Amino acid sequence: MIQEKTVENAVADILRLIGEDPLRPGLKGTPQRVAEMYRELFAGIDQDPAQELMAGVEEGHHDLVILKDIAFYSMCEHHLLPFFGSAHIGYLPTSRVVGISKMVRALDVLAHRPQLQERLTAQMADTMFSALQAEGVAVVLKAEHLCMSMRGVQKPGAQVVTSAIRGTFRRGSLARREILTVLAGSAV
């Protein structure tokens, strides 16, 4: 759980250290606003994403389930700057399916932590694979990182694409080709 008062004091210290006055009119409430924002942005630290996937239904469905273009944002753990983009998640159920909003909630829990895109992708795939006991899971994230867009090499618009594949999709099967084709929106 975030220690908001400590974060407020730290933000005020940072403002002073960069030569600003945290008490000037435009900055007076900034430390408190940043602490409140961090409570939201890092709300997933103490949550279990698998809990979001527990409310499934035995449906006997054995074909692909795919959810595309899920907007997400997270914070790069290297610079504490946002990265954001879209997620595509697909799974091949054994028979149990889960509501699509539950998949989005699980992604949000994982994204609301200091993250690396590669880890976020793998954690989402592992969570889906384990919690749903799916035959296969594929997750693709495409994101822009502000740590690269607004500082350093300053290349706005550049996107990082990561994927994680579990179960039957890893074995080079037709199912793998099918899921990757659908997730990519084109032939693979």
Protein backbone atom coordinates (compact mmCIF):
# COMPACT_ATOMS: atom_id res chain seq x y z
CA MET A 1 0.00 0.00 0.00
CA ILE A 2 1.31 3.44 -0.94
CA GLN A 3 2.43 5.73 1.86
CA GLU A 4 0.88 8.90 0.47
CA LYS A 5 2.30 11.36 2.99
CA THR A 6 5.82 10.03 2.45
CA VAL A 7 5.36 10.30 -1.33
CA GLU A 8 4.09 13.89 -0.92
CA ASN A 9 7.20 14.82 1.08
CA ALA A 10 9.47 13.13 -1.46
CA VAL A 11 7.83 14.99 -4.37
CA ALA A 12 8.20 18.29 -2.51
CA ASP A 13 11.88 17.43 -1.96
CA ILE A 14 12.34 16.65 -5.67
CA LEU A 15 10.75 19.97 -6.62
CA ARG A 16 13.15 21.79 -4.30
CA LEU A 17 16.12 19.79 -5.62
CA ILE A 18 15.40 20.80 -9.23
CA GLY A 19 15.22 24.46 -8.21
CA GLU A 20 11.46 24.89 -7.83
CA ASP A 21 9.41 26.14 -4.91
CA PRO A 22 6.77 23.53 -3.99
CA LEU A 23 4.80 26.30 -2.25
CA ARG A 24 4.40 28.57 -5.28
CA PRO A 25 0.78 28.83 -6.48
CA GLY A 26 1.09 26.50 -9.51
CA LEU A 27 2.89 23.78 -7.54
CA LYS A 28 1.25 24.09 -4.13
CA GLY A 29 -0.96 20.99 -4.45
CA THR A 30 1.35 19.05 -6.77
CA PRO A 31 2.92 16.74 -4.16
CA GLN A 32 -0.54 15.66 -2.98
CA ARG A 33 -1.79 15.20 -6.56
CA VAL A 34 1.26 13.08 -7.44
CA ALA A 35 0.75 10.89 -4.36
CA GLU A 36 -2.92 10.37 -5.29
CA MET A 37 -1.92 9.60 -8.88
CA TYR A 38 0.67 7.04 -7.73
CA ARG A 39 -2.02 5.34 -5.63
CA GLU A 40 -3.99 4.81 -8.86
CA LEU A 41 -1.08 4.01 -11.15
CA PHE A 42 0.43 1.43 -8.81
CA ALA A 43 -2.81 -0.08 -7.47
CA GLY A 44 -1.90 -3.49 -8.93
CA ILE A 45 1.12 -4.03 -6.70
CA ASP A 46 -0.86 -5.76 -3.95
CA GLN A 47 -3.41 -7.50 -6.19
CA ASP A 48 -3.48 -10.98 -7.69
CA PRO A 49 -4.48 -10.85 -11.38
CA ALA A 50 -5.59 -14.50 -11.30
CA GLN A 51 -8.43 -13.50 -8.94
CA GLU A 52 -9.96 -11.57 -11.82
CA LEU A 53 -10.16 -14.77 -13.88
CA MET A 54 -11.87 -16.99 -11.30
CA ALA A 55 -15.42 -16.26 -12.45
CA GLY A 56 -15.41 -18.54 -15.47
CA VAL A 57 -18.11 -20.74 -16.94
CA GLU A 58 -17.87 -24.37 -18.07
CA GLU A 59 -19.09 -23.86 -21.61
CA GLY A 60 -17.52 -26.73 -23.51
CA HIS A 61 -16.07 -24.19 -25.93
CA HIS A 62 -12.89 -25.50 -27.59
CA ASP A 63 -12.19 -22.84 -30.21
CA LEU A 64 -10.20 -19.62 -30.11
CA VAL A 65 -11.32 -16.72 -27.94
CA ILE A 66 -9.60 -13.48 -28.88
CA LEU A 67 -9.85 -9.98 -27.49
CA LYS A 68 -8.05 -7.32 -29.51
CA ASP A 69 -7.14 -3.66 -29.22
CA ILE A 70 -7.33 -3.38 -25.44
CA ALA A 71 -5.93 0.01 -24.48
CA PHE A 72 -3.52 -0.17 -21.57
CA TYR A 73 -0.96 1.99 -19.80
CA SER A 74 1.78 1.19 -17.37
CA MET A 75 4.86 2.80 -15.84
CA CYS A 76 8.34 1.90 -17.01
CA GLU A 77 10.28 0.86 -13.94
CA HIS A 78 13.52 2.32 -15.28
CA HIS A 79 12.40 5.98 -15.46
CA LEU A 80 8.90 5.97 -13.94
CA LEU A 81 7.51 7.31 -17.18
CA PRO A 82 4.44 5.84 -18.88
CA PHE A 83 4.31 3.35 -21.68
CA PHE A 84 0.97 2.77 -23.33
CA GLY A 85 -0.59 1.04 -26.26
CA SER A 86 -2.81 -1.88 -27.14
CA ALA A 87 -2.95 -5.48 -26.05
CA HIS A 88 -4.23 -8.48 -27.96
CA ILE A 89 -5.04 -11.60 -25.97
CA GLY A 90 -6.15 -14.96 -27.26
CA TYR A 91 -6.64 -18.34 -25.69
CA LEU A 92 -7.77 -21.82 -26.57
CA PRO A 93 -9.97 -23.02 -23.71
CA THR A 94 -10.11 -26.61 -22.53
CA SER A 95 -13.81 -26.02 -21.81
CA ARG A 96 -13.95 -23.12 -19.33
CA VAL A 97 -14.34 -19.58 -20.65
CA VAL A 98 -14.07 -16.32 -18.78
CA GLY A 99 -15.82 -13.00 -19.38
CA ILE A 100 -13.85 -10.66 -21.60
CA SER A 101 -14.00 -7.88 -19.01
CA LYS A 102 -12.20 -10.24 -16.63
CA MET A 103 -9.29 -10.51 -19.07
CA VAL A 104 -9.11 -6.71 -19.23
CA ARG A 105 -9.16 -6.47 -15.43
CA ALA A 106 -6.33 -9.00 -15.10
CA LEU A 107 -4.26 -6.97 -17.59
CA ASP A 108 -5.00 -3.78 -15.63
CA VAL A 109 -3.84 -5.36 -12.36
CA LEU A 110 -0.53 -6.32 -13.97
CA ALA A 111 -0.10 -3.00 -15.78
CA HIS A 112 -0.69 -0.98 -12.61
CA ARG A 113 2.77 -1.76 -11.26
CA PRO A 114 6.24 -0.54 -12.14
CA GLN A 115 6.81 -2.72 -15.20
CA LEU A 116 8.82 -3.77 -18.18
CA GLN A 117 6.76 -4.43 -21.28
CA GLU A 118 8.41 -7.81 -21.73
CA ARG A 119 7.51 -8.83 -18.16
CA LEU A 120 3.97 -7.51 -18.46
CA THR A 121 3.45 -9.58 -21.61
CA ALA A 122 4.82 -12.75 -20.01
CA GLN A 123 2.91 -12.24 -16.76
CA MET A 124 -0.37 -11.83 -18.63
CA ALA A 125 0.23 -15.00 -20.65
CA ASP A 126 1.25 -16.97 -17.55
CA THR A 127 -1.76 -15.72 -15.57
CA MET A 128 -4.22 -16.64 -18.33
CA PHE A 129 -2.60 -20.03 -18.97
CA SER A 130 -2.57 -21.01 -15.31
CA ALA A 131 -5.85 -19.52 -14.09
CA LEU A 132 -7.90 -20.76 -17.05
CA GLN A 133 -5.99 -24.01 -17.50
CA ALA A 134 -6.15 -23.16 -21.18
CA GLU A 135 -4.70 -25.33 -23.91
CA GLY A 136 -2.90 -22.30 -25.25
CA VAL A 137 -2.51 -18.57 -24.68
CA ALA A 138 -1.02 -15.82 -26.80
CA VAL A 139 -0.50 -12.21 -25.75
CA VAL A 140 0.85 -9.42 -27.94
CA LEU A 141 1.49 -5.91 -26.62
CA LYS A 142 2.33 -2.92 -28.80
CA ALA A 143 3.34 0.22 -26.92
CA GLU A 144 5.04 3.58 -27.08
CA HIS A 145 7.43 4.35 -24.23
CA LEU A 146 7.66 7.97 -23.14
CA CYS A 147 11.13 7.28 -21.72
CA MET A 148 12.21 6.91 -25.35
CA SER A 149 9.84 9.45 -26.89
CA MET A 150 10.44 12.50 -24.70
CA ARG A 151 13.97 11.91 -23.39
CA GLY A 152 17.07 9.99 -24.42
CA VAL A 153 16.89 9.26 -28.16
CA GLN A 154 13.63 11.27 -28.44
CA LYS A 155 11.87 9.16 -31.07
CA PRO A 156 8.13 9.70 -30.56
CA GLY A 157 5.89 7.22 -32.27
CA ALA A 158 8.34 4.32 -32.13
CA GLN A 159 6.57 1.26 -30.79
CA VAL A 160 7.79 -1.86 -29.05
CA VAL A 161 6.00 -5.11 -29.84
CA THR A 162 6.30 -8.04 -27.45
CA SER A 163 4.65 -11.44 -27.47
CA ALA A 164 4.29 -14.37 -25.13
CA ILE A 165 2.97 -17.74 -26.23
CA ARG A 166 2.06 -20.63 -23.94
CA GLY A 167 0.81 -24.18 -24.33
CA THR A 168 -0.24 -25.60 -27.66
CA PHE A 169 0.58 -22.33 -29.45
CA ARG A 170 4.29 -22.77 -28.62
CA ARG A 171 4.56 -26.03 -30.50
CA GLY A 172 4.52 -24.60 -34.03
CA SER A 173 1.09 -25.99 -34.77
CA LEU A 174 -1.65 -24.73 -37.03
CA ALA A 175 -3.23 -23.25 -33.90
CA ARG A 176 -0.12 -21.11 -33.42
CA ARG A 177 -0.30 -19.80 -36.97
CA GLU A 178 -4.02 -19.16 -36.63
CA ILE A 179 -3.72 -17.23 -33.35
CA LEU A 180 -0.80 -15.15 -34.56
CA THR A 181 -2.57 -14.35 -37.82
CA VAL A 182 -5.70 -13.20 -36.02
CA LEU A 183 -3.78 -11.25 -33.37
CA ALA A 184 -1.63 -9.53 -35.97
CA GLY A 185 -4.59 -8.85 -38.24
CA SER A 186 -2.65 -10.17 -41.22
CA ALA A 187 -0.90 -13.27 -42.49
CA VAL A 188 2.05 -14.46 -40.44
